Protein backbone atom coordinates (compact mmCIF):
# COMPACT_ATOMS: atom_id res chain seq x y z
CA MET A 1 78.19 100.83 110.91
CA SER A 2 80.32 102.82 108.50
CA THR A 3 79.34 103.18 104.84
CA GLU A 4 82.79 104.48 103.91
CA LYS A 5 84.45 102.64 101.05
CA THR A 6 87.20 100.16 102.03
CA PHE A 7 90.10 98.67 100.12
CA SER A 8 91.82 95.32 100.46
CA PRO A 9 95.63 95.08 100.55
CA SER A 10 95.55 93.53 97.05
CA VAL A 11 93.63 96.47 95.61
CA ILE A 12 95.95 98.97 97.35
CA ALA A 13 98.96 97.06 96.00
CA ALA A 14 97.58 97.24 92.45
CA MET A 15 96.96 100.97 92.85
CA LEU A 16 100.58 101.51 93.83
CA GLY A 17 102.31 98.92 91.68
CA VAL A 18 103.67 96.99 94.68
CA ARG A 19 103.13 93.42 95.88
CA PRO A 20 100.30 92.72 98.37
CA VAL A 21 102.89 91.44 100.84
CA THR A 22 104.32 94.95 100.96
CA VAL A 23 100.94 96.39 101.98
CA HIS A 24 100.53 93.64 104.60
CA ARG A 25 103.95 94.57 105.96
CA TRP A 26 102.90 98.25 106.22
CA ILE A 27 99.82 97.14 108.16
CA GLN A 28 101.80 94.85 110.48
CA ASP A 29 104.40 97.59 111.05
CA LYS A 30 101.55 100.03 111.80
CA VAL A 31 102.61 102.31 108.93
CA LEU A 32 99.12 101.89 107.47
CA THR A 33 96.04 101.51 109.68
CA ALA A 34 93.66 98.69 108.76
CA VAL A 35 90.72 96.84 110.27
CA ASN A 36 90.63 93.07 110.54
CA VAL A 37 87.18 92.09 109.24
CA GLN A 38 87.70 88.36 109.90
CA ARG A 39 88.20 88.12 113.62
CA GLY A 40 88.89 84.68 115.07
CA GLN A 41 90.44 83.28 111.90
CA ARG A 42 94.02 82.15 111.55
CA ARG A 43 94.80 84.68 108.85
CA PRO A 44 93.52 88.21 109.21
CA THR A 45 91.48 89.79 106.42
CA TYR A 46 92.35 93.45 106.38
CA ARG A 47 90.44 96.40 104.94
CA VAL A 48 91.62 100.02 104.83
CA PHE A 49 89.14 102.88 104.94
CA GLU A 50 89.32 105.34 102.05
CA SER A 51 89.93 108.28 104.40
CA THR A 52 92.85 106.44 106.00
CA LEU A 53 94.33 105.62 102.64
CA VAL A 54 94.00 109.22 101.43
CA ALA A 55 95.74 110.45 104.60
CA PHE A 56 98.49 107.85 104.10
CA PHE A 57 99.06 109.10 100.55
CA ARG A 58 99.01 112.77 101.57
CA GLU A 59 101.58 112.14 104.30
CA ARG A 60 103.80 110.80 101.55
CA GLY A 61 103.43 113.80 99.29
CA VAL A 62 100.90 112.49 96.77
CA SER A 63 99.26 115.42 95.01
CA GLU A 64 95.51 116.01 94.73
CA ALA A 65 95.73 115.32 90.98
CA GLU A 66 97.41 111.98 91.61
CA LEU A 67 94.77 111.14 94.24
CA ARG A 68 92.00 111.82 91.76
CA VAL A 69 93.63 109.43 89.31
CA LEU A 70 94.16 106.77 91.98
CA PHE A 71 90.58 107.00 93.22
CA ARG A 72 89.00 107.92 89.84
CA LYS A 73 87.23 110.96 91.25
């Protein structure tokens, strides 16, 4: 079991100033990797690991200073 911090699409959307549906679309289009923590349900409940989210931001040119602000490190 991983103890790494995870983020919901709603939290990610708030961090980026986009709508949660946008983050869900990135997940469905496999632009952003997520884990479905609610298997067997009609609607998936996604979570994104912090390391995956950091890599996603870095691939898109987000600076280390901006990452510190986003993650409050």
